[in-house]
Amino acid sequence: MKQTKNTTWNQKLNSDETLKSDIKHIFKYARREKRNHNQILESINLMVYANQKYTTLPNYMQASINGYIKANFDFMYEFVEWVHWYDGKFVGKNLTFNSDYDQNKTISNYVYIGTENKY
């Protein structure tokens, strides 16, 4: 792997743009392949946080990249919805509350819209 020291402004700006492009690719791939939250975090850790392009940037540029990652996580909520499983059966948003309802049998989580794939 090529060493990146980010000693010049040109290198710093190039590293910033490259990392943001990698982040955009990670989230685009995650939406297409319906990857869960932990898989996205793992990809970000490997491709961004462990990358010399990130670790050698000044703190204010690292903060900018962290903000970009947070913004992409916020954007993911347009592709997921809050749904439920009751007694091991997927019920989606249609959770029926009646006299037989038992809260302990309910599991809720975010899934990609139109699927049962957990986010």
Protein backbone atom coordinates (compact mmCIF):
# COMPACT_ATOMS: atom_id res chain seq x y z
CA MET A 1 0.00 0.00 0.00
CA LYS A 2 1.30 3.43 -0.89
CA GLN A 3 2.30 5.59 2.08
CA THR A 4 0.34 8.80 2.48
CA LYS A 5 1.74 11.47 4.76
CA ASN A 6 -0.56 14.37 3.87
CA THR A 7 2.23 16.92 4.20
CA THR A 8 1.03 19.31 1.48
CA TRP A 9 -2.33 20.98 0.98
CA ASN A 10 -2.76 19.21 -2.33
CA GLN A 11 -2.28 15.82 -0.64
CA LYS A 12 -4.66 16.72 2.18
CA LEU A 13 -7.39 17.83 -0.22
CA ASN A 14 -6.89 14.76 -2.40
CA SER A 15 -7.10 12.47 0.65
CA ASP A 16 -10.26 14.25 1.83
CA GLU A 17 -11.97 13.81 -1.55
CA THR A 18 -10.83 10.19 -1.91
CA LEU A 19 -12.12 9.27 1.54
CA LYS A 20 -15.47 10.98 0.91
CA SER A 21 -15.76 9.08 -2.37
CA ASP A 22 -15.05 5.81 -0.54
CA ILE A 23 -17.70 6.67 2.05
CA LYS A 24 -20.25 7.43 -0.65
CA HIS A 25 -19.44 4.07 -2.29
CA ILE A 26 -19.82 2.20 1.03
CA PHE A 27 -23.32 3.60 1.60
CA LYS A 28 -24.40 3.17 -2.02
CA TYR A 29 -23.31 -0.48 -1.91
CA ALA A 30 -25.02 -0.96 1.46
CA ARG A 31 -28.35 0.31 0.10
CA ARG A 32 -28.10 -1.84 -3.02
CA GLU A 33 -27.07 -5.03 -1.18
CA LYS A 34 -29.25 -4.36 1.92
CA ARG A 35 -26.28 -4.55 4.30
CA ASN A 36 -26.92 -4.17 8.01
CA HIS A 37 -25.62 -1.42 10.28
CA ASN A 38 -22.72 -3.46 11.69
CA GLN A 39 -21.51 -4.40 8.20
CA ILE A 40 -21.50 -0.73 7.23
CA LEU A 41 -19.53 0.17 10.37
CA GLU A 42 -17.03 -2.59 9.60
CA SER A 43 -16.54 -1.30 6.05
CA ILE A 44 -16.04 2.27 7.31
CA ASN A 45 -13.53 1.09 9.87
CA LEU A 46 -11.50 -0.81 7.26
CA MET A 47 -11.69 1.68 4.40
CA VAL A 48 -11.61 4.98 6.30
CA TYR A 49 -10.48 4.88 9.92
CA ALA A 50 -7.62 2.40 9.33
CA ASN A 51 -6.48 4.24 6.19
CA GLN A 52 -3.36 6.42 6.36
CA LYS A 53 -5.17 9.01 4.28
CA TYR A 54 -7.43 9.51 7.31
CA THR A 55 -5.01 9.00 10.20
CA THR A 56 -2.49 11.57 8.89
CA LEU A 57 -5.07 14.31 8.26
CA PRO A 58 -5.34 17.22 10.70
CA ASN A 59 -8.07 16.93 13.35
CA TYR A 60 -10.38 19.48 11.71
CA MET A 61 -10.32 17.52 8.43
CA GLN A 62 -10.97 14.25 10.29
CA ALA A 63 -13.93 15.95 11.98
CA SER A 64 -15.26 16.95 8.57
CA ILE A 65 -15.05 13.35 7.36
CA ASN A 66 -16.74 12.11 10.55
CA GLY A 67 -19.55 14.60 9.89
CA TYR A 68 -19.85 13.28 6.34
CA ILE A 69 -20.18 9.73 7.68
CA LYS A 70 -22.84 10.83 10.18
CA ALA A 71 -24.77 12.62 7.44
CA ASN A 72 -24.77 9.44 5.35
CA PHE A 73 -26.02 7.41 8.31
CA ASP A 74 -28.83 9.96 8.77
CA PHE A 75 -29.65 9.68 5.07
CA MET A 76 -30.04 5.89 5.42
CA TYR A 77 -33.25 6.43 7.42
CA GLU A 78 -34.98 7.29 4.14
CA PHE A 79 -34.46 3.66 3.09
CA VAL A 80 -35.51 1.87 6.28
CA GLU A 81 -38.66 1.60 8.37
CA TRP A 82 -39.48 0.53 11.94
CA VAL A 83 -41.27 -2.85 11.99
CA HIS A 84 -42.12 -5.65 14.39
CA TRP A 85 -42.01 -9.40 14.85
CA TYR A 86 -44.60 -10.91 17.16
CA ASP A 87 -44.05 -14.38 18.58
CA GLY A 88 -41.41 -15.07 15.90
CA LYS A 89 -43.68 -14.02 13.03
CA PHE A 90 -43.01 -10.91 10.93
CA VAL A 91 -46.00 -8.55 11.22
CA GLY A 92 -44.45 -5.39 9.76
CA LYS A 93 -46.09 -2.22 11.01
CA ASN A 94 -49.36 -4.03 11.72
CA LEU A 95 -48.93 -4.88 15.39
CA THR A 96 -52.30 -5.82 16.83
CA PHE A 97 -52.98 -4.73 20.39
CA ASN A 98 -55.76 -6.77 22.00
CA SER A 99 -56.39 -8.62 25.26
CA ASP A 100 -54.02 -11.44 24.19
CA TYR A 101 -51.13 -9.07 23.39
CA ASP A 102 -47.87 -9.85 25.24
CA GLN A 103 -45.13 -7.20 25.07
CA ASN A 104 -42.46 -9.82 25.79
CA LYS A 105 -43.21 -11.56 22.48
CA THR A 106 -42.59 -8.40 20.45
CA ILE A 107 -39.25 -7.66 18.79
CA SER A 108 -38.84 -4.42 16.86
CA ASN A 109 -36.09 -3.29 14.52
CA TYR A 110 -35.34 -1.22 11.42
CA VAL A 111 -35.53 -3.04 8.10
CA TYR A 112 -35.04 -1.91 4.53
CA ILE A 113 -38.38 -0.74 3.13
CA GLY A 114 -40.33 -3.57 1.52
CA THR A 115 -38.12 -6.32 2.97
CA GLU A 116 -37.45 -8.22 6.16
CA ASN A 117 -33.71 -7.47 5.93
CA LYS A 118 -32.63 -5.91 9.22
CA TYR A 119 -30.70 -2.69 9.13
